[in-house]
Amino acid sequence: MENVILTQSFSFAVRIVKLCTSLANDKKEFVLSRQLMKCGTSIGANVREAQQAQSKKDFLAKISIALKEADETLYWLDLLNATDFLTKEQYVSFYREAASLKRLLVAIVKTTRTNLTE
C-alpha cells in the first residue's frame, strides 16, 4: 500500500531542488532559495524519519517537525513571490502543493494525538 505523505513529500522535495537550482543559476538568487531548499526538502526527510520512530510520541514529534517545515516553506514561497523571483505559475503550483502537504500533516498530527490519548 502506498504511503501518500511519503510519496508526495519526496516528489515535492525533488521539485524544490530543481526550482532552487534554477533560481540560483538563472536569477542568481542564493539566500532565499537556500532557505526554501532547506525547509522544502526537510518535510520529506522528517516524514521519512518518522517511519522509523521508536514510539508514537517519537512519530508525533517527527511529523510535527515536518508540519513546521511545510509552514516555513509557504513563508519562503510567499517571500519569493512578493520579490518577483517566481512567476505566478510557479508560485501557484508550489504553494498549492506545499499547502496540500501541510493539510495532510495536520490531519496526521490530529489523528496521532487522538490515538495517544486513547
N, C-alpha and C. Protein backbone atom coordinates (compact mmCIF):
# COMPACT_ATOMS: atom_id res chain seq x y z
N MET A 1 0.84 -1.18 0.00
CA MET A 1 0.00 0.00 0.00
C MET A 1 0.89 1.25 0.00
N GLU A 2 0.55 2.21 -0.84
CA GLU A 2 1.34 3.43 -0.97
C GLU A 2 1.16 4.34 0.25
N ASN A 3 2.27 4.90 0.71
CA ASN A 3 2.25 5.89 1.77
C ASN A 3 2.19 7.26 1.11
N VAL A 4 1.01 7.86 1.08
CA VAL A 4 0.77 9.09 0.33
C VAL A 4 1.67 10.23 0.79
N ILE A 5 1.79 10.46 2.08
CA ILE A 5 2.59 11.58 2.57
C ILE A 5 4.06 11.38 2.24
N LEU A 6 4.52 10.15 2.31
CA LEU A 6 5.91 9.85 1.98
C LEU A 6 6.18 10.10 0.50
N THR A 7 5.31 9.62 -0.34
CA THR A 7 5.45 9.79 -1.78
C THR A 7 5.36 11.27 -2.19
N GLN A 8 4.35 11.95 -1.68
CA GLN A 8 4.15 13.35 -2.06
C GLN A 8 5.24 14.27 -1.53
N SER A 9 5.70 14.02 -0.32
CA SER A 9 6.74 14.88 0.24
C SER A 9 8.07 14.68 -0.50
N PHE A 10 8.34 13.46 -0.95
CA PHE A 10 9.56 13.21 -1.73
C PHE A 10 9.46 13.90 -3.10
N SER A 11 8.32 13.74 -3.75
CA SER A 11 8.11 14.38 -5.05
C SER A 11 8.25 15.90 -4.94
N PHE A 12 7.70 16.46 -3.87
CA PHE A 12 7.79 17.90 -3.64
C PHE A 12 9.26 18.31 -3.44
N ALA A 13 10.00 17.52 -2.70
CA ALA A 13 11.42 17.82 -2.47
C ALA A 13 12.20 17.86 -3.78
N VAL A 14 11.91 16.93 -4.66
CA VAL A 14 12.57 16.91 -5.98
C VAL A 14 12.26 18.20 -6.73
N ARG A 15 11.00 18.62 -6.72
CA ARG A 15 10.62 19.86 -7.40
C ARG A 15 11.30 21.08 -6.77
N ILE A 16 11.41 21.08 -5.45
CA ILE A 16 12.05 22.18 -4.74
C ILE A 16 13.53 22.27 -5.12
N VAL A 17 14.21 21.15 -5.17
CA VAL A 17 15.62 21.14 -5.56
C VAL A 17 15.78 21.73 -6.95
N LYS A 18 14.93 21.33 -7.87
CA LYS A 18 15.01 21.86 -9.24
C LYS A 18 14.71 23.35 -9.28
N LEU A 19 13.71 23.80 -8.53
CA LEU A 19 13.37 25.22 -8.50
C LEU A 19 14.53 26.04 -7.93
N CYS A 20 15.08 25.59 -6.82
CA CYS A 20 16.16 26.34 -6.17
C CYS A 20 17.42 26.37 -7.03
N THR A 21 17.69 25.29 -7.72
CA THR A 21 18.82 25.25 -8.64
C THR A 21 18.61 26.27 -9.76
N SER A 22 17.39 26.32 -10.28
CA SER A 22 17.05 27.29 -11.33
C SER A 22 17.17 28.72 -10.83
N LEU A 23 16.68 28.97 -9.62
CA LEU A 23 16.77 30.33 -9.05
C LEU A 23 18.23 30.75 -8.90
N ALA A 24 19.07 29.84 -8.47
CA ALA A 24 20.49 30.16 -8.30
C ALA A 24 21.18 30.36 -9.65
N ASN A 25 20.92 29.49 -10.60
CA ASN A 25 21.59 29.57 -11.90
C ASN A 25 21.06 30.68 -12.79
N ASP A 26 19.75 30.82 -12.85
CA ASP A 26 19.13 31.76 -13.80
C ASP A 26 18.96 33.17 -13.24
N LYS A 27 18.62 33.26 -11.97
CA LYS A 27 18.32 34.58 -11.39
C LYS A 27 19.38 35.03 -10.39
N LYS A 28 20.38 34.19 -10.19
CA LYS A 28 21.47 34.49 -9.25
C LYS A 28 20.94 34.83 -7.86
N GLU A 29 19.87 34.14 -7.47
CA GLU A 29 19.27 34.32 -6.15
C GLU A 29 19.73 33.14 -5.29
N PHE A 30 20.48 33.44 -4.23
CA PHE A 30 21.07 32.38 -3.43
C PHE A 30 20.54 32.31 -2.00
N VAL A 31 20.19 33.43 -1.41
CA VAL A 31 19.84 33.47 0.01
C VAL A 31 18.45 32.89 0.26
N LEU A 32 17.44 33.45 -0.38
CA LEU A 32 16.06 32.98 -0.17
C LEU A 32 15.88 31.56 -0.66
N SER A 33 16.47 31.26 -1.81
CA SER A 33 16.32 29.91 -2.36
C SER A 33 17.00 28.87 -1.48
N ARG A 34 18.07 29.25 -0.81
CA ARG A 34 18.72 28.30 0.11
C ARG A 34 17.81 27.99 1.29
N GLN A 35 17.13 29.01 1.79
CA GLN A 35 16.18 28.80 2.88
C GLN A 35 15.04 27.89 2.43
N LEU A 36 14.54 28.15 1.22
CA LEU A 36 13.47 27.32 0.66
C LEU A 36 13.95 25.88 0.47
N MET A 37 15.18 25.72 0.01
CA MET A 37 15.74 24.39 -0.19
C MET A 37 15.78 23.62 1.12
N LYS A 38 16.21 24.28 2.18
CA LYS A 38 16.33 23.61 3.48
C LYS A 38 14.97 23.13 3.99
N CYS A 39 13.99 24.03 4.04
CA CYS A 39 12.71 23.62 4.62
C CYS A 39 11.89 22.76 3.66
N GLY A 40 11.96 23.05 2.37
CA GLY A 40 11.18 22.29 1.40
C GLY A 40 11.59 20.84 1.28
N THR A 41 12.87 20.58 1.48
CA THR A 41 13.34 19.18 1.44
C THR A 41 13.26 18.53 2.81
N SER A 42 13.24 19.34 3.85
CA SER A 42 13.15 18.81 5.22
C SER A 42 11.81 18.16 5.52
N ILE A 43 10.78 18.59 4.83
CA ILE A 43 9.45 17.99 5.04
C ILE A 43 9.54 16.48 4.83
N GLY A 44 10.01 16.10 3.66
CA GLY A 44 10.10 14.67 3.33
C GLY A 44 11.10 13.93 4.18
N ALA A 45 12.20 14.59 4.54
CA ALA A 45 13.21 13.94 5.39
C ALA A 45 12.62 13.60 6.75
N ASN A 46 11.84 14.51 7.31
CA ASN A 46 11.22 14.25 8.61
C ASN A 46 10.11 13.22 8.53
N VAL A 47 9.36 13.24 7.44
CA VAL A 47 8.33 12.21 7.23
C VAL A 47 9.00 10.84 7.13
N ARG A 48 10.10 10.79 6.40
CA ARG A 48 10.84 9.53 6.25
C ARG A 48 11.38 9.06 7.60
N GLU A 49 11.93 9.99 8.36
CA GLU A 49 12.45 9.64 9.67
C GLU A 49 11.34 9.15 10.60
N ALA A 50 10.16 9.73 10.48
CA ALA A 50 9.03 9.32 11.32
C ALA A 50 8.64 7.87 11.07
N GLN A 51 8.93 7.35 9.89
CA GLN A 51 8.59 5.97 9.58
C GLN A 51 9.36 4.99 10.47
N GLN A 52 10.49 5.44 11.02
CA GLN A 52 11.30 4.58 11.89
C GLN A 52 11.23 5.03 13.35
N ALA A 53 10.17 5.73 13.69
CA ALA A 53 10.02 6.24 15.05
C ALA A 53 10.03 5.10 16.06
N GLN A 54 10.55 5.40 17.23
CA GLN A 54 10.66 4.40 18.29
C GLN A 54 9.38 4.27 19.10
N SER A 55 8.50 5.26 18.97
CA SER A 55 7.24 5.24 19.71
C SER A 55 6.25 6.17 19.00
N LYS A 56 5.00 6.14 19.46
CA LYS A 56 4.01 7.05 18.89
C LYS A 56 4.37 8.50 19.18
N LYS A 57 4.93 8.76 20.36
CA LYS A 57 5.35 10.12 20.71
C LYS A 57 6.50 10.58 19.81
N ASP A 58 7.42 9.68 19.53
CA ASP A 58 8.53 9.99 18.63
C ASP A 58 8.00 10.28 17.22
N PHE A 59 7.06 9.45 16.78
CA PHE A 59 6.42 9.66 15.47
C PHE A 59 5.77 11.04 15.43
N LEU A 60 5.01 11.37 16.46
CA LEU A 60 4.33 12.66 16.53
C LEU A 60 5.34 13.81 16.48
N ALA A 61 6.43 13.67 17.18
CA ALA A 61 7.46 14.72 17.19
C ALA A 61 8.03 14.94 15.79
N LYS A 62 8.33 13.87 15.08
CA LYS A 62 8.91 13.99 13.73
C LYS A 62 7.90 14.57 12.74
N ILE A 63 6.67 14.11 12.82
CA ILE A 63 5.63 14.61 11.92
C ILE A 63 5.34 16.08 12.24
N SER A 64 5.39 16.45 13.49
CA SER A 64 5.18 17.85 13.87
C SER A 64 6.28 18.74 13.32
N ILE A 65 7.51 18.24 13.29
CA ILE A 65 8.60 19.00 12.68
C ILE A 65 8.35 19.15 11.18
N ALA A 66 7.90 18.09 10.53
CA ALA A 66 7.58 18.16 9.10
C ALA A 66 6.50 19.21 8.85
N LEU A 67 5.51 19.28 9.74
CA LEU A 67 4.45 20.28 9.62
C LEU A 67 5.01 21.69 9.73
N LYS A 68 5.89 21.92 10.68
CA LYS A 68 6.52 23.23 10.83
C LYS A 68 7.33 23.60 9.58
N GLU A 69 8.02 22.62 9.03
CA GLU A 69 8.81 22.87 7.82
C GLU A 69 7.90 23.19 6.63
N ALA A 70 6.75 22.55 6.55
CA ALA A 70 5.79 22.85 5.48
C ALA A 70 5.29 24.29 5.60
N ASP A 71 5.01 24.70 6.83
CA ASP A 71 4.55 26.06 7.04
C ASP A 71 5.65 27.07 6.70
N GLU A 72 6.88 26.77 7.08
CA GLU A 72 8.01 27.65 6.73
C GLU A 72 8.19 27.72 5.22
N THR A 73 8.00 26.61 4.55
CA THR A 73 8.09 26.58 3.09
C THR A 73 7.10 27.56 2.47
N LEU A 74 5.89 27.60 3.00
CA LEU A 74 4.88 28.54 2.49
C LEU A 74 5.36 29.98 2.67
N TYR A 75 6.01 30.27 3.77
CA TYR A 75 6.54 31.62 4.02
C TYR A 75 7.57 32.00 2.94
N TRP A 76 8.54 31.12 2.69
CA TRP A 76 9.58 31.44 1.71
C TRP A 76 9.00 31.55 0.31
N LEU A 77 8.01 30.74 -0.01
CA LEU A 77 7.34 30.86 -1.31
C LEU A 77 6.65 32.22 -1.42
N ASP A 78 5.98 32.65 -0.35
CA ASP A 78 5.34 33.97 -0.34
C ASP A 78 6.38 35.07 -0.56
N LEU A 79 7.50 34.96 0.11
CA LEU A 79 8.53 35.99 0.00
C LEU A 79 9.16 36.00 -1.39
N LEU A 80 9.45 34.84 -1.93
CA LEU A 80 10.00 34.77 -3.29
C LEU A 80 9.01 35.32 -4.31
N ASN A 81 7.73 35.08 -4.08
CA ASN A 81 6.71 35.62 -4.96
C ASN A 81 6.63 37.14 -4.84
N ALA A 82 6.61 37.64 -3.62
CA ALA A 82 6.49 39.08 -3.38
C ALA A 82 7.69 39.86 -3.91
N THR A 83 8.83 39.19 -4.03
CA THR A 83 10.03 39.86 -4.53
C THR A 83 10.29 39.54 -6.01
N ASP A 84 9.28 38.98 -6.66
CA ASP A 84 9.30 38.72 -8.11
C ASP A 84 10.36 37.74 -8.58
N PHE A 85 10.76 36.81 -7.72
CA PHE A 85 11.67 35.76 -8.15
C PHE A 85 10.94 34.57 -8.76
N LEU A 86 9.65 34.45 -8.47
CA LEU A 86 8.84 33.36 -9.03
C LEU A 86 7.82 33.92 -10.00
N THR A 87 7.53 33.14 -11.04
CA THR A 87 6.42 33.50 -11.90
C THR A 87 5.13 33.18 -11.15
N LYS A 88 4.05 33.74 -11.59
CA LYS A 88 2.76 33.46 -10.95
C LYS A 88 2.47 31.96 -11.02
N GLU A 89 2.77 31.35 -12.16
CA GLU A 89 2.51 29.92 -12.34
C GLU A 89 3.35 29.07 -11.37
N GLN A 90 4.62 29.43 -11.22
CA GLN A 90 5.48 28.71 -10.28
C GLN A 90 4.94 28.85 -8.86
N TYR A 91 4.62 30.07 -8.51
CA TYR A 91 4.13 30.32 -7.15
C TYR A 91 2.87 29.51 -6.86
N VAL A 92 1.91 29.59 -7.74
CA VAL A 92 0.63 28.89 -7.52
C VAL A 92 0.86 27.38 -7.42
N SER A 93 1.66 26.84 -8.31
CA SER A 93 1.90 25.40 -8.33
C SER A 93 2.60 24.93 -7.05
N PHE A 94 3.67 25.60 -6.67
CA PHE A 94 4.41 25.20 -5.47
C PHE A 94 3.60 25.46 -4.20
N TYR A 95 2.90 26.59 -4.17
CA TYR A 95 2.11 26.92 -2.98
C TYR A 95 1.01 25.89 -2.77
N ARG A 96 0.32 25.53 -3.83
CA ARG A 96 -0.75 24.53 -3.71
C ARG A 96 -0.22 23.21 -3.19
N GLU A 97 0.92 22.79 -3.72
CA GLU A 97 1.48 21.51 -3.30
C GLU A 97 1.94 21.56 -1.83
N ALA A 98 2.59 22.65 -1.45
CA ALA A 98 3.03 22.78 -0.05
C ALA A 98 1.83 22.87 0.89
N ALA A 99 0.80 23.58 0.49
CA ALA A 99 -0.41 23.69 1.32
C ALA A 99 -1.10 22.34 1.45
N SER A 100 -1.09 21.56 0.39
CA SER A 100 -1.67 20.21 0.42
C SER A 100 -0.89 19.32 1.39
N LEU A 101 0.43 19.40 1.34
CA LEU A 101 1.26 18.64 2.28
C LEU A 101 0.96 19.08 3.71
N LYS A 102 0.82 20.37 3.91
CA LYS A 102 0.53 20.88 5.25
C LYS A 102 -0.80 20.33 5.76
N ARG A 103 -1.82 20.31 4.90
CA ARG A 103 -3.12 19.77 5.31
C ARG A 103 -3.02 18.29 5.69
N LEU A 104 -2.28 17.53 4.90
CA LEU A 104 -2.08 16.10 5.21
C LEU A 104 -1.38 15.94 6.56
N LEU A 105 -0.36 16.74 6.78
CA LEU A 105 0.39 16.65 8.02
C LEU A 105 -0.45 17.06 9.22
N VAL A 106 -1.28 18.08 9.06
CA VAL A 106 -2.19 18.48 10.15
C VAL A 106 -3.10 17.32 10.50
N ALA A 107 -3.64 16.65 9.49
CA ALA A 107 -4.53 15.51 9.73
C ALA A 107 -3.79 14.37 10.44
N ILE A 108 -2.56 14.12 10.04
CA ILE A 108 -1.77 13.06 10.68
C ILE A 108 -1.49 13.42 12.14
N VAL A 109 -1.12 14.67 12.39
CA VAL A 109 -0.86 15.11 13.76
C VAL A 109 -2.11 14.96 14.62
N LYS A 110 -3.25 15.40 14.11
CA LYS A 110 -4.51 15.31 14.88
C LYS A 110 -4.85 13.86 15.18
N THR A 111 -4.75 13.00 14.18
CA THR A 111 -5.07 11.59 14.37
C THR A 111 -4.11 10.94 15.37
N THR A 112 -2.85 11.25 15.24
CA THR A 112 -1.85 10.67 16.15
C THR A 112 -2.10 11.13 17.58
N ARG A 113 -2.39 12.41 17.76
CA ARG A 113 -2.68 12.93 19.12
C ARG A 113 -3.89 12.24 19.71
N THR A 114 -4.92 12.04 18.88
CA THR A 114 -6.13 11.35 19.35
C THR A 114 -5.79 9.92 19.77
N ASN A 115 -4.99 9.23 18.97
CA ASN A 115 -4.62 7.86 19.28
C ASN A 115 -3.74 7.75 20.53
N LEU A 116 -2.98 8.79 20.81
CA LEU A 116 -2.12 8.78 22.01
C LEU A 116 -2.95 8.89 23.29
N THR A 117 -4.09 9.58 23.20
CA THR A 117 -4.90 9.78 24.40
C THR A 117 -5.87 8.64 24.64
N GLU A 118 -6.02 7.76 23.69
CA GLU A 118 -6.97 6.64 23.86
C GLU A 118 -6.36 5.52 24.65
